[in-house]
Amino acid sequence: MSRREEVCVLVPTYNEAETIETVVEQYHEQGFDDVLVIDGGSTDGTRERAAAAGARVEQQRGNGKGQAVRESMAYIERPVVLMVDGDSTYRPDEADRMLEPIFEGRAEHVIGNRFANMQPGAMTRLNQTGNRIINRAFRFIHRENLVDILSGYRAFTRESFDRLSLSADGFGIETELAVECVKHDVRVEVVPISYEPRPDESETNLRPVRDGGNIILRLYQMAKTNNPLFYFGSIGATSAFVGTLLAGYVAYVWVVNGVGRNVIALAAGVALLFGVQLVMFGVLSDLIVTANRRQTQQLRRVADRLEEVDGRGESGLLDERQAGDEGGSNGKDG
C-alpha cells in the first residue's frame, strides 16, 4: 500500500530491550520511515536499542502506557498513526490491513482483532477469559460490539484522536479509546489480525488480576457520561433493592413479634426514595446524551457539506480565472 509517508508508527515501550530492535527494523522494512518510540523510563537499554535501529526516541514525562500515548501526539505531525506494542506480538506485514479502512475512508479508528488468529501460547487461559469478560462487559454497558477492545494494534487519524478526552495512565488506555470512540461517534472498524507469543526472553508488564479489575472499574465509571441510564440506574436499582429488603424485614418483625424497627424503617424509606430518584435521573440524563449526540451528528454533517461546497466553490473560481486568463491571452494574440 502506498501513502506510507502519511503514517507514523507509534511504539509505547517499557523495558522491551529484547524485542524493540526487531520491531523497529521490521516496520522500516515494510516501508514506514517514521517510527516513534516513546519510552516510560526503561532501565534495560530499550531507548538505546530503538535509536540504534533507526527510530525516533522520546522519553515520556509521566508513567504508564496511557500517558505515553497522550504525550506522543506532541511529537507526531503525520495525519495517520499506527500504534503497536513493542513486544513483537503483532505482525508488521499486517499493517496494510490495519490502514486500509482509513485510507479508503471507511473508518477513522481501526482495531485489530487478536482472537481472529491467535497463535498457540500467545495468551494464557486466564488472560483469554479476562479479555472475553471485559469485551462482554463493554458490549453490555456501552452498547457496541468492538470484539477486542484491549487490542494494542490500532490505526487512527490524528483528527479523530483530537476529538477524544483521554485520562487513563496505564493499560486502561485501550479501553478508554474504545469508549471515547463510541461516545464521540468516531467511525470504528475491526479487522482480523494475528497475535504471536512473546519471545521467551521478553517479560510482560501486564498484571492480569489487578489490571483486569481496574479496566472493568474504568468501564463502569465511563458509563456515567456514555450510558448514564445504566450507570445511575444500576446504583438506583441496588439502593431500591436494599430498601425493599429492609422494609420487608421491618414488616416481618412487626407482624410476627409486634415490635417496630423505626430506625430500620427510616433507612428503608431513604434507600427506596434514593434509588427511585437515581433511576429517574438516569433516564433524564440518557435523554440528554441521546439528544446531544444527534445534534453533534447533524452539525458534523453540516460542516462536511460546507467543506464540500467550499471545495467546489474554490475549484469553480479557479476554473473561471483560468478561462479568463486564456481569453485575455487570446485577445492579445489577436
C-alpha atoms as a PDB file:
ATOM      1  CA  MET A   1       0.000   0.000   0.000  1.00  0.00           C
ATOM      2  CA  SER A   2       1.252   3.471  -0.808  1.00  0.00           C
ATOM      3  CA  ARG A   3       0.784   6.606   1.331  1.00  0.00           C
ATOM      4  CA  ARG A   4       3.202   5.340   3.982  1.00  0.00           C
ATOM      5  CA  GLU A   5       4.567   8.873   4.063  1.00  0.00           C
ATOM      6  CA  GLU A   6       1.321   9.834   5.827  1.00  0.00           C
ATOM      7  CA  VAL A   7       1.806   7.314   8.643  1.00  0.00           C
ATOM      8  CA  CYS A   8       3.711   7.484  11.910  1.00  0.00           C
ATOM      9  CA  VAL A   9       4.261   4.131  13.622  1.00  0.00           C
ATOM     10  CA  LEU A  10       3.879   4.731  17.372  1.00  0.00           C
ATOM     11  CA  VAL A  11       5.503   2.246  19.765  1.00  0.00           C
ATOM     12  CA  PRO A  12       4.985   2.866  23.519  1.00  0.00           C
ATOM     13  CA  THR A  13       7.608   0.892  25.451  1.00  0.00           C
ATOM     14  CA  TYR A  14       8.778  -0.024  28.920  1.00  0.00           C
ATOM     15  CA  ASN A  15      11.678  -2.456  29.279  1.00  0.00           C
ATOM     16  CA  GLU A  16      11.339  -4.013  25.815  1.00  0.00           C
ATOM     17  CA  ALA A  17      15.062  -4.242  25.008  1.00  0.00           C
ATOM     18  CA  GLU A  18      14.816  -7.854  23.864  1.00  0.00           C
ATOM     19  CA  THR A  19      12.350  -7.079  21.067  1.00  0.00           C
ATOM     20  CA  ILE A  20      12.360  -3.367  20.234  1.00  0.00           C
ATOM     21  CA  GLU A  21      15.148  -3.527  17.628  1.00  0.00           C
ATOM     22  CA  THR A  22      13.303  -6.243  15.716  1.00  0.00           C
ATOM     23  CA  VAL A  23      10.029  -4.294  15.825  1.00  0.00           C
ATOM     24  CA  VAL A  24      11.594  -1.062  14.541  1.00  0.00           C
ATOM     25  CA  GLU A  25      13.579  -2.800  11.801  1.00  0.00           C
ATOM     26  CA  GLN A  26      10.574  -4.787  10.570  1.00  0.00           C
ATOM     27  CA  TYR A  27       8.434  -1.674  10.177  1.00  0.00           C
ATOM     28  CA  HIS A  28      11.265   0.047   8.323  1.00  0.00           C
ATOM     29  CA  GLU A  29      11.422  -2.979   6.038  1.00  0.00           C
ATOM     30  CA  GLN A  30       7.691  -2.564   5.375  1.00  0.00           C
ATOM     31  CA  GLY A  31       8.391   0.951   4.093  1.00  0.00           C
ATOM     32  CA  PHE A  32       7.479   3.045   7.155  1.00  0.00           C
ATOM     33  CA  ASP A  33      10.156   5.690   7.531  1.00  0.00           C
ATOM     34  CA  ASP A  34       8.726   7.357  10.658  1.00  0.00           C
ATOM     35  CA  VAL A  35       8.808   5.074  13.718  1.00  0.00           C
ATOM     36  CA  LEU A  36       8.378   6.863  17.039  1.00  0.00           C
ATOM     37  CA  VAL A  37       9.315   5.024  20.227  1.00  0.00           C
ATOM     38  CA  ILE A  38       8.069   6.766  23.360  1.00  0.00           C
ATOM     39  CA  ASP A  39       9.550   5.167  26.438  1.00  0.00           C
ATOM     40  CA  GLY A  40       8.273   5.093  30.008  1.00  0.00           C
ATOM     41  CA  GLY A  41      11.656   5.130  31.742  1.00  0.00           C
ATOM     42  CA  SER A  42      13.103   1.748  30.764  1.00  0.00           C
ATOM     43  CA  THR A  43      16.198   0.589  32.635  1.00  0.00           C
ATOM     44  CA  ASP A  44      17.249  -2.211  30.258  1.00  0.00           C
ATOM     45  CA  GLY A  45      18.562  -0.154  27.326  1.00  0.00           C
ATOM     46  CA  THR A  46      15.311  -0.042  25.334  1.00  0.00           C
ATOM     47  CA  ARG A  47      15.828   3.565  24.224  1.00  0.00           C
ATOM     48  CA  GLU A  48      19.392   2.996  23.073  1.00  0.00           C
ATOM     49  CA  ARG A  49      18.478  -0.102  21.062  1.00  0.00           C
ATOM     50  CA  ALA A  50      15.496   1.636  19.469  1.00  0.00           C
ATOM     51  CA  ALA A  51      17.658   4.572  18.410  1.00  0.00           C
ATOM     52  CA  ALA A  52      20.299   2.218  17.021  1.00  0.00           C
ATOM     53  CA  ALA A  53      17.597   0.565  14.905  1.00  0.00           C
ATOM     54  CA  GLY A  54      16.662   3.936  13.399  1.00  0.00           C
ATOM     55  CA  ALA A  55      13.640   5.006  15.439  1.00  0.00           C
ATOM     56  CA  ARG A  56      12.865   8.455  16.774  1.00  0.00           C
ATOM     57  CA  VAL A  57      13.027   8.077  20.556  1.00  0.00           C
ATOM     58  CA  GLU A  58      11.360  10.235  23.190  1.00  0.00           C
ATOM     59  CA  GLN A  59      11.119   9.658  26.927  1.00  0.00           C
ATOM     60  CA  GLN A  60       7.733  10.385  28.444  1.00  0.00           C
ATOM     61  CA  ARG A  61       7.404  12.689  31.412  1.00  0.00           C
ATOM     62  CA  GLY A  62       4.767  10.650  33.241  1.00  0.00           C
ATOM     63  CA  ASN A  63       4.250   6.939  33.801  1.00  0.00           C
ATOM     64  CA  GLY A  64       2.060   4.350  32.098  1.00  0.00           C
ATOM     65  CA  LYS A  65       1.052   3.479  28.573  1.00  0.00           C
ATOM     66  CA  GLY A  66      -1.900   5.850  28.541  1.00  0.00           C
ATOM     67  CA  GLN A  67       0.300   8.782  29.467  1.00  0.00           C
ATOM     68  CA  ALA A  68       2.771   7.720  26.781  1.00  0.00           C
ATOM     69  CA  VAL A  69       0.099   7.704  24.070  1.00  0.00           C
ATOM     70  CA  ARG A  70      -1.189  11.150  25.048  1.00  0.00           C
ATOM     71  CA  GLU A  71       2.304  12.658  25.229  1.00  0.00           C
ATOM     72  CA  SER A  72       3.303  11.135  21.889  1.00  0.00           C
ATOM     73  CA  MET A  73       0.833  13.320  19.983  1.00  0.00           C
ATOM     74  CA  ALA A  74       3.109  16.311  20.587  1.00  0.00           C
ATOM     75  CA  TYR A  75       5.804  14.554  18.511  1.00  0.00           C
ATOM     76  CA  ILE A  76       3.582  13.373  15.642  1.00  0.00           C
ATOM     77  CA  GLU A  77       2.849  15.587  12.648  1.00  0.00           C
ATOM     78  CA  ARG A  78       1.572  12.985  10.198  1.00  0.00           C
ATOM     79  CA  PRO A  79      -2.195  12.596   9.764  1.00  0.00           C
ATOM     80  CA  VAL A  80      -2.372   8.834  10.460  1.00  0.00           C
ATOM     81  CA  VAL A  81      -0.993   6.889  13.440  1.00  0.00           C
ATOM     82  CA  LEU A  82      -0.354   3.144  13.537  1.00  0.00           C
ATOM     83  CA  MET A  83       0.006   2.137  17.187  1.00  0.00           C
ATOM     84  CA  VAL A  84       1.717  -1.142  18.035  1.00  0.00           C
ATOM     85  CA  ASP A  85       3.248  -2.725  21.144  1.00  0.00           C
ATOM     86  CA  GLY A  86       6.995  -3.133  21.385  1.00  0.00           C
ATOM     87  CA  ASP A  87       6.907  -6.807  22.387  1.00  0.00           C
ATOM     88  CA  SER A  88       6.889  -8.264  18.851  1.00  0.00           C
ATOM     89  CA  THR A  89       3.448  -9.878  19.266  1.00  0.00           C
ATOM     90  CA  TYR A  90       1.924  -8.025  16.280  1.00  0.00           C
ATOM     91  CA  ARG A  91       2.940  -8.618  12.682  1.00  0.00           C
ATOM     92  CA  PRO A  92       4.255  -5.671  10.650  1.00  0.00           C
ATOM     93  CA  ASP A  93       3.164  -7.362   7.401  1.00  0.00           C
ATOM     94  CA  GLU A  94      -0.449  -6.840   8.526  1.00  0.00           C
ATOM     95  CA  ALA A  95      -0.045  -3.077   8.726  1.00  0.00           C
ATOM     96  CA  ASP A  96      -1.728  -2.582   5.345  1.00  0.00           C
ATOM     97  CA  ARG A  97      -4.760  -4.458   6.644  1.00  0.00           C
ATOM     98  CA  MET A  98      -4.933  -2.035   9.572  1.00  0.00           C
ATOM     99  CA  LEU A  99      -4.542   1.088   7.441  1.00  0.00           C
ATOM    100  CA  GLU A 100      -6.806   0.146   4.541  1.00  0.00           C
ATOM    101  CA  PRO A 101     -10.126   1.185   6.197  1.00  0.00           C
ATOM    102  CA  ILE A 102      -8.686   4.628   6.948  1.00  0.00           C
ATOM    103  CA  PHE A 103      -7.221   5.288   3.514  1.00  0.00           C
ATOM    104  CA  GLU A 104     -10.411   4.063   1.855  1.00  0.00           C
ATOM    105  CA  GLY A 105     -12.492   6.402   4.031  1.00  0.00           C
ATOM    106  CA  ARG A 106     -14.473   3.660   5.792  1.00  0.00           C
ATOM    107  CA  ALA A 107     -13.147   4.331   9.279  1.00  0.00           C
ATOM    108  CA  GLU A 108     -11.319   6.824  11.462  1.00  0.00           C
ATOM    109  CA  HIS A 109     -10.195   4.277  14.052  1.00  0.00           C
ATOM    110  CA  VAL A 110      -9.237   0.647  13.395  1.00  0.00           C
ATOM    111  CA  ILE A 111      -8.892  -2.114  15.993  1.00  0.00           C
ATOM    112  CA  GLY A 112      -7.009  -5.337  15.283  1.00  0.00           C
ATOM    113  CA  ASN A 113      -8.940  -8.393  16.479  1.00  0.00           C
ATOM    114  CA  ARG A 114      -6.380 -10.709  18.063  1.00  0.00           C
ATOM    115  CA  PHE A 115      -8.880 -13.544  18.523  1.00  0.00           C
ATOM    116  CA  ALA A 116      -9.211 -13.955  14.748  1.00  0.00           C
ATOM    117  CA  ASN A 117      -5.837 -15.735  14.536  1.00  0.00           C
ATOM    118  CA  MET A 118      -4.344 -16.186  17.982  1.00  0.00           C
ATOM    119  CA  GLN A 119      -1.260 -18.363  17.884  1.00  0.00           C
ATOM    120  CA  PRO A 120      -0.703 -21.109  20.487  1.00  0.00           C
ATOM    121  CA  GLY A 121       0.888 -19.691  23.633  1.00  0.00           C
ATOM    122  CA  ALA A 122       0.176 -16.068  22.718  1.00  0.00           C
ATOM    123  CA  MET A 123      -2.245 -15.589  25.630  1.00  0.00           C
ATOM    124  CA  THR A 124      -2.814 -17.588  28.799  1.00  0.00           C
ATOM    125  CA  ARG A 125      -6.244 -19.044  29.556  1.00  0.00           C
ATOM    126  CA  LEU A 126      -6.610 -16.585  32.418  1.00  0.00           C
ATOM    127  CA  ASN A 127      -5.942 -13.655  30.092  1.00  0.00           C
ATOM    128  CA  GLN A 128      -8.282 -15.036  27.419  1.00  0.00           C
ATOM    129  CA  THR A 129     -11.076 -15.423  29.984  1.00  0.00           C
ATOM    130  CA  GLY A 130     -10.450 -11.938  31.326  1.00  0.00           C
ATOM    131  CA  ASN A 131     -10.450 -10.445  27.822  1.00  0.00           C
ATOM    132  CA  ARG A 132     -13.760 -12.092  26.954  1.00  0.00           C
ATOM    133  CA  ILE A 133     -15.365 -10.910  30.208  1.00  0.00           C
ATOM    134  CA  ILE A 134     -14.181  -7.347  29.586  1.00  0.00           C
ATOM    135  CA  ASN A 135     -15.383  -7.365  25.973  1.00  0.00           C
ATOM    136  CA  ARG A 136     -18.805  -8.636  27.012  1.00  0.00           C
ATOM    137  CA  ALA A 137     -18.989  -6.034  29.774  1.00  0.00           C
ATOM    138  CA  PHE A 138     -18.129  -3.348  27.231  1.00  0.00           C
ATOM    139  CA  ARG A 139     -20.818  -4.604  24.859  1.00  0.00           C
ATOM    140  CA  PHE A 140     -23.403  -4.671  27.663  1.00  0.00           C
ATOM    141  CA  ILE A 141     -22.510  -1.325  29.252  1.00  0.00           C
ATOM    142  CA  HIS A 142     -21.673   0.744  26.167  1.00  0.00           C
ATOM    143  CA  ARG A 143     -23.998  -0.953  23.671  1.00  0.00           C
ATOM    144  CA  GLU A 144     -21.372  -1.581  20.965  1.00  0.00           C
ATOM    145  CA  ASN A 145     -19.558  -4.755  19.932  1.00  0.00           C
ATOM    146  CA  LEU A 146     -15.946  -3.925  19.105  1.00  0.00           C
ATOM    147  CA  VAL A 147     -14.864  -7.565  19.605  1.00  0.00           C
ATOM    148  CA  ASP A 148     -11.395  -6.902  21.106  1.00  0.00           C
ATOM    149  CA  ILE A 149     -11.226  -3.558  22.901  1.00  0.00           C
ATOM    150  CA  LEU A 150      -7.939  -4.411  24.653  1.00  0.00           C
ATOM    151  CA  SER A 151      -6.004  -4.905  21.421  1.00  0.00           C
ATOM    152  CA  GLY A 152      -2.824  -2.851  21.255  1.00  0.00           C
ATOM    153  CA  TYR A 153      -2.687  -2.886  17.439  1.00  0.00           C
ATOM    154  CA  ARG A 154      -4.607   0.186  16.269  1.00  0.00           C
ATOM    155  CA  ALA A 155      -4.670   2.724  13.491  1.00  0.00           C
ATOM    156  CA  PHE A 156      -6.360   6.097  13.756  1.00  0.00           C
ATOM    157  CA  THR A 157      -6.384   9.561  12.305  1.00  0.00           C
ATOM    158  CA  ARG A 158      -4.946  12.451  14.281  1.00  0.00           C
ATOM    159  CA  GLU A 159      -8.167  14.378  13.706  1.00  0.00           C
ATOM    160  CA  SER A 160     -10.293  11.669  15.335  1.00  0.00           C
ATOM    161  CA  PHE A 161      -7.838  11.289  18.228  1.00  0.00           C
ATOM    162  CA  ASP A 162      -8.029  15.007  18.976  1.00  0.00           C
ATOM    163  CA  ARG A 163     -11.811  14.675  19.482  1.00  0.00           C
ATOM    164  CA  LEU A 164     -11.323  12.221  22.357  1.00  0.00           C
ATOM    165  CA  SER A 165     -10.982  13.102  26.033  1.00  0.00           C
ATOM    166  CA  LEU A 166      -8.405  10.711  27.463  1.00  0.00           C
ATOM    167  CA  SER A 167      -7.085  10.487  31.015  1.00  0.00           C
ATOM    168  CA  ALA A 168      -6.086   6.826  31.595  1.00  0.00           C
ATOM    169  CA  ASP A 169      -2.464   6.299  32.606  1.00  0.00           C
ATOM    170  CA  GLY A 170      -1.850   2.571  32.311  1.00  0.00           C
ATOM    171  CA  PHE A 171      -3.262  -0.297  30.247  1.00  0.00           C
ATOM    172  CA  GLY A 172      -6.721   1.239  30.541  1.00  0.00           C
ATOM    173  CA  ILE A 173      -5.881   3.450  27.550  1.00  0.00           C
ATOM    174  CA  GLU A 174      -7.226   0.859  25.073  1.00  0.00           C
ATOM    175  CA  THR A 175     -10.494   0.659  27.000  1.00  0.00           C
ATOM    176  CA  GLU A 176     -10.745   4.431  27.152  1.00  0.00           C
ATOM    177  CA  LEU A 177     -10.067   4.750  23.426  1.00  0.00           C
ATOM    178  CA  ALA A 178     -12.913   2.318  22.691  1.00  0.00           C
ATOM    179  CA  VAL A 179     -15.383   4.079  24.983  1.00  0.00           C
ATOM    180  CA  GLU A 180     -14.466   7.542  23.701  1.00  0.00           C
ATOM    181  CA  CYS A 181     -14.839   6.404  20.091  1.00  0.00           C
ATOM    182  CA  VAL A 182     -18.375   5.245  20.846  1.00  0.00           C
ATOM    183  CA  LYS A 183     -19.129   8.393  22.814  1.00  0.00           C
ATOM    184  CA  HIS A 184     -17.929  10.766  20.078  1.00  0.00           C
ATOM    185  CA  ASP A 185     -19.296   8.755  17.134  1.00  0.00           C
ATOM    186  CA  VAL A 186     -15.864   8.013  15.706  1.00  0.00           C
ATOM    187  CA  ARG A 187     -16.223   5.526  12.849  1.00  0.00           C
ATOM    188  CA  VAL A 188     -14.585   2.300  14.024  1.00  0.00           C
ATOM    189  CA  GLU A 189     -13.778  -0.837  12.058  1.00  0.00           C
ATOM    190  CA  VAL A 190     -12.463  -4.114  13.455  1.00  0.00           C
ATOM    191  CA  VAL A 191     -10.125  -6.154  11.252  1.00  0.00           C
ATOM    192  CA  PRO A 192      -8.740  -9.665  11.819  1.00  0.00           C
ATOM    193  CA  ILE A 193      -5.063  -9.902  12.724  1.00  0.00           C
ATOM    194  CA  SER A 194      -2.611 -12.471  14.033  1.00  0.00           C
ATOM    195  CA  TYR A 195      -1.367 -12.463  17.607  1.00  0.00           C
ATOM    196  CA  GLU A 196       2.036 -14.016  18.250  1.00  0.00           C
ATOM    197  CA  PRO A 197       3.563 -15.295  21.528  1.00  0.00           C
ATOM    198  CA  ARG A 198       6.068 -13.037  23.242  1.00  0.00           C
ATOM    199  CA  PRO A 199       9.674 -14.162  22.774  1.00  0.00           C
ATOM    200  CA  ASP A 200      10.945 -16.231  25.711  1.00  0.00           C
ATOM    201  CA  GLU A 201      13.400 -13.534  26.759  1.00  0.00           C
ATOM    202  CA  SER A 202      10.707 -10.853  26.916  1.00  0.00           C
ATOM    203  CA  GLU A 203       8.706 -10.329  30.113  1.00  0.00           C
ATOM    204  CA  THR A 204       5.193  -8.926  30.174  1.00  0.00           C
ATOM    205  CA  ASN A 205       4.334  -5.771  32.118  1.00  0.00           C
ATOM    206  CA  LEU A 206       0.695  -6.849  32.453  1.00  0.00           C
ATOM    207  CA  ARG A 207      -0.699  -7.968  35.828  1.00  0.00           C
ATOM    208  CA  PRO A 208      -3.888  -9.787  34.812  1.00  0.00           C
ATOM    209  CA  VAL A 209      -5.950  -9.689  38.017  1.00  0.00           C
ATOM    210  CA  ARG A 210      -5.160  -6.151  39.124  1.00  0.00           C
ATOM    211  CA  ASP A 211      -5.156  -4.610  35.649  1.00  0.00           C
ATOM    212  CA  GLY A 212      -8.304  -6.523  34.672  1.00  0.00           C
ATOM    213  CA  GLY A 213     -10.125  -5.284  37.767  1.00  0.00           C
ATOM    214  CA  ASN A 214      -9.056  -1.706  37.047  1.00  0.00           C
ATOM    215  CA  ILE A 215     -10.263  -1.987  33.451  1.00  0.00           C
ATOM    216  CA  ILE A 216     -13.721  -3.246  34.454  1.00  0.00           C
ATOM    217  CA  LEU A 217     -13.985  -0.478  37.053  1.00  0.00           C
ATOM    218  CA  ARG A 218     -12.977   2.033  34.388  1.00  0.00           C
ATOM    219  CA  LEU A 219     -15.633   0.673  32.032  1.00  0.00           C
ATOM    220  CA  TYR A 220     -18.260   1.181  34.705  1.00  0.00           C
ATOM    221  CA  GLN A 221     -17.061   4.689  35.609  1.00  0.00           C
ATOM    222  CA  MET A 222     -17.077   5.838  31.985  1.00  0.00           C
ATOM    223  CA  ALA A 223     -20.707   4.757  31.650  1.00  0.00           C
ATOM    224  CA  LYS A 224     -21.556   7.883  33.659  1.00  0.00           C
ATOM    225  CA  THR A 225     -21.262  10.053  30.557  1.00  0.00           C
ATOM    226  CA  ASN A 226     -21.682   7.480  27.792  1.00  0.00           C
ATOM    227  CA  ASN A 227     -24.586   5.416  29.153  1.00  0.00           C
ATOM    228  CA  PRO A 228     -25.968   7.290  32.182  1.00  0.00           C
ATOM    229  CA  LEU A 229     -29.117   5.178  32.293  1.00  0.00           C
ATOM    230  CA  PHE A 230     -27.018   2.089  33.037  1.00  0.00           C
ATOM    231  CA  TYR A 231     -24.709   3.887  35.479  1.00  0.00           C
ATOM    232  CA  PHE A 232     -27.293   5.694  37.602  1.00  0.00           C
ATOM    233  CA  GLY A 233     -29.925   3.032  37.009  1.00  0.00           C
ATOM    234  CA  SER A 234     -27.708   0.261  38.370  1.00  0.00           C
ATOM    235  CA  ILE A 235     -26.889   2.244  41.526  1.00  0.00           C
ATOM    236  CA  GLY A 236     -30.517   3.263  41.931  1.00  0.00           C
ATOM    237  CA  ALA A 237     -31.786  -0.278  41.432  1.00  0.00           C
ATOM    238  CA  THR A 238     -29.310  -1.576  44.032  1.00  0.00           C
ATOM    239  CA  SER A 239     -30.380   1.075  46.519  1.00  0.00           C
ATOM    240  CA  ALA A 240     -34.068   0.350  45.899  1.00  0.00           C
ATOM    241  CA  PHE A 241     -33.434  -3.389  46.313  1.00  0.00           C
ATOM    242  CA  VAL A 242     -31.712  -2.833  49.664  1.00  0.00           C
ATOM    243  CA  GLY A 243     -34.559  -0.567  50.756  1.00  0.00           C
ATOM    244  CA  THR A 244     -37.105  -3.230  49.789  1.00  0.00           C
ATOM    245  CA  LEU A 245     -35.240  -5.894  51.795  1.00  0.00           C
ATOM    246  CA  LEU A 246     -35.105  -3.626  54.856  1.00  0.00           C
ATOM    247  CA  ALA A 247     -38.782  -2.765  54.510  1.00  0.00           C
ATOM    248  CA  GLY A 248     -39.638  -6.447  54.242  1.00  0.00           C
ATOM    249  CA  TYR A 249     -37.653  -7.190  57.408  1.00  0.00           C
ATOM    250  CA  VAL A 250     -39.416  -4.400  59.318  1.00  0.00           C
ATOM    251  CA  ALA A 251     -42.823  -5.661  58.185  1.00  0.00           C
ATOM    252  CA  TYR A 252     -41.960  -9.250  59.135  1.00  0.00           C
ATOM    253  CA  VAL A 253     -40.773  -8.332  62.630  1.00  0.00           C
ATOM    254  CA  TRP A 254     -43.819  -6.150  63.233  1.00  0.00           C
ATOM    255  CA  VAL A 255     -46.300  -8.811  62.059  1.00  0.00           C
ATOM    256  CA  VAL A 256     -44.639 -11.785  63.835  1.00  0.00           C
ATOM    257  CA  ASN A 257     -43.395 -10.165  67.022  1.00  0.00           C
ATOM    258  CA  GLY A 258     -45.396  -6.962  67.143  1.00  0.00           C
ATOM    259  CA  VAL A 259     -42.177  -4.983  67.512  1.00  0.00           C
ATOM    260  CA  GLY A 260     -41.403  -1.909  65.425  1.00  0.00           C
ATOM    261  CA  ARG A 261     -37.998  -1.039  63.980  1.00  0.00           C
ATOM    262  CA  ASN A 262     -38.246   2.713  63.464  1.00  0.00           C
ATOM    263  CA  VAL A 263     -34.609   3.325  62.570  1.00  0.00           C
ATOM    264  CA  ILE A 264     -34.512   0.466  60.059  1.00  0.00           C
ATOM    265  CA  ALA A 265     -37.845   1.574  58.620  1.00  0.00           C
ATOM    266  CA  LEU A 266     -36.442   5.071  58.127  1.00  0.00           C
ATOM    267  CA  ALA A 267     -33.347   3.658  56.400  1.00  0.00           C
ATOM    268  CA  ALA A 268     -35.573   1.548  54.156  1.00  0.00           C
ATOM    269  CA  GLY A 269     -37.605   4.593  53.119  1.00  0.00           C
ATOM    270  CA  VAL A 270     -34.477   6.649  52.402  1.00  0.00           C
ATOM    271  CA  ALA A 271     -32.949   3.824  50.331  1.00  0.00           C
ATOM    272  CA  LEU A 272     -36.126   3.385  48.309  1.00  0.00           C
ATOM    273  CA  LEU A 273     -36.515   7.110  47.606  1.00  0.00           C
ATOM    274  CA  PHE A 274     -32.827   7.470  46.751  1.00  0.00           C
ATOM    275  CA  GLY A 275     -32.990   4.523  44.372  1.00  0.00           C
ATOM    276  CA  VAL A 276     -36.092   5.760  42.562  1.00  0.00           C
ATOM    277  CA  GLN A 277     -34.608   9.247  42.189  1.00  0.00           C
ATOM    278  CA  LEU A 278     -31.376   7.868  40.750  1.00  0.00           C
ATOM    279  CA  VAL A 279     -33.254   5.782  38.198  1.00  0.00           C
ATOM    280  CA  MET A 280     -35.270   8.850  37.158  1.00  0.00           C
ATOM    281  CA  PHE A 281     -32.063  10.901  36.934  1.00  0.00           C
ATOM    282  CA  GLY A 282     -30.509   8.185  34.776  1.00  0.00           C
ATOM    283  CA  VAL A 283     -33.466   8.276  32.385  1.00  0.00           C
ATOM    284  CA  LEU A 284     -33.294  12.076  32.050  1.00  0.00           C
ATOM    285  CA  SER A 285     -29.510  12.005  31.592  1.00  0.00           C
ATOM    286  CA  ASP A 286     -29.834   9.357  28.894  1.00  0.00           C
ATOM    287  CA  LEU A 287     -32.343  11.511  27.021  1.00  0.00           C
ATOM    288  CA  ILE A 288     -29.970  14.490  27.186  1.00  0.00           C
ATOM    289  CA  VAL A 289     -26.986  12.422  25.988  1.00  0.00           C
ATOM    290  CA  THR A 290     -29.009  10.987  23.096  1.00  0.00           C
ATOM    291  CA  ALA A 291     -30.226  14.440  22.030  1.00  0.00           C
ATOM    292  CA  ASN A 292     -26.690  15.833  22.245  1.00  0.00           C
ATOM    293  CA  ARG A 293     -25.329  13.027  20.056  1.00  0.00           C
ATOM    294  CA  ARG A 294     -27.964  13.655  17.428  1.00  0.00           C
ATOM    295  CA  GLN A 295     -27.171  17.378  17.392  1.00  0.00           C
ATOM    296  CA  THR A 296     -23.460  16.649  17.139  1.00  0.00           C
ATOM    297  CA  GLN A 297     -24.050  14.306  14.197  1.00  0.00           C
ATOM    298  CA  GLN A 298     -26.180  16.911  12.439  1.00  0.00           C
ATOM    299  CA  LEU A 299     -23.570  19.625  13.000  1.00  0.00           C
ATOM    300  CA  ARG A 300     -20.869  17.326  11.654  1.00  0.00           C
ATOM    301  CA  ARG A 301     -22.924  16.630   8.530  1.00  0.00           C
ATOM    302  CA  VAL A 302     -23.464  20.367   8.021  1.00  0.00           C
ATOM    303  CA  ALA A 303     -19.736  21.013   8.450  1.00  0.00           C
ATOM    304  CA  ASP A 304     -18.900  18.273   5.926  1.00  0.00           C
ATOM    305  CA  ARG A 305     -21.352  19.751   3.413  1.00  0.00           C
ATOM    306  CA  LEU A 306     -19.927  23.238   3.894  1.00  0.00           C
ATOM    307  CA  GLU A 307     -16.430  21.876   3.262  1.00  0.00           C
ATOM    308  CA  GLU A 308     -17.662  20.215   0.069  1.00  0.00           C
ATOM    309  CA  VAL A 309     -19.343  23.438  -1.048  1.00  0.00           C
ATOM    310  CA  ASP A 310     -16.228  25.461  -0.263  1.00  0.00           C
ATOM    311  CA  GLY A 311     -14.114  22.979  -2.199  1.00  0.00           C
ATOM    312  CA  ARG A 312     -16.407  23.171  -5.201  1.00  0.00           C
ATOM    313  CA  GLY A 313     -16.516  26.944  -4.982  1.00  0.00           C
ATOM    314  CA  GLU A 314     -12.744  27.257  -4.949  1.00  0.00           C
ATOM    315  CA  SER A 315     -12.499  24.809  -7.843  1.00  0.00           C
ATOM    316  CA  GLY A 316     -15.115  26.756  -9.823  1.00  0.00           C
ATOM    317  CA  LEU A 317     -13.410  30.059  -9.101  1.00  0.00           C
ATOM    318  CA  LEU A 318     -10.109  28.615 -10.253  1.00  0.00           C
ATOM    319  CA  ASP A 319     -11.719  27.396 -13.481  1.00  0.00           C
ATOM    320  CA  GLU A 320     -13.200  30.867 -14.103  1.00  0.00           C
ATOM    321  CA  ARG A 321      -9.822  32.502 -13.551  1.00  0.00           C
ATOM    322  CA  GLN A 322      -8.141  30.074 -15.915  1.00  0.00           C
ATOM    323  CA  ALA A 323     -10.810  30.703 -18.534  1.00  0.00           C
ATOM    324  CA  GLY A 324     -10.348  34.453 -18.106  1.00  0.00           C
ATOM    325  CA  ASP A 325      -6.593  34.153 -18.437  1.00  0.00           C
ATOM    326  CA  GLU A 326      -6.967  32.119 -21.631  1.00  0.00           C
ATOM    327  CA  GLY A 327      -9.443  34.663 -23.075  1.00  0.00           C
ATOM    328  CA  GLY A 328      -7.094  37.538 -22.254  1.00  0.00           C
ATOM    329  CA  SER A 329      -4.167  35.826 -23.871  1.00  0.00           C
ATOM    330  CA  ASN A 330      -6.254  35.082 -26.973  1.00  0.00           C
ATOM    331  CA  GLY A 331      -7.293  38.736 -27.211  1.00  0.00           C
ATOM    332  CA  LYS A 332      -3.725  39.875 -27.048  1.00  0.00           C
ATOM    333  CA  ASP A 333      -2.711  37.402 -29.698  1.00  0.00           C
ATOM    334  CA  GLY A 334      -5.471  38.711 -31.969  1.00  0.00           C
END
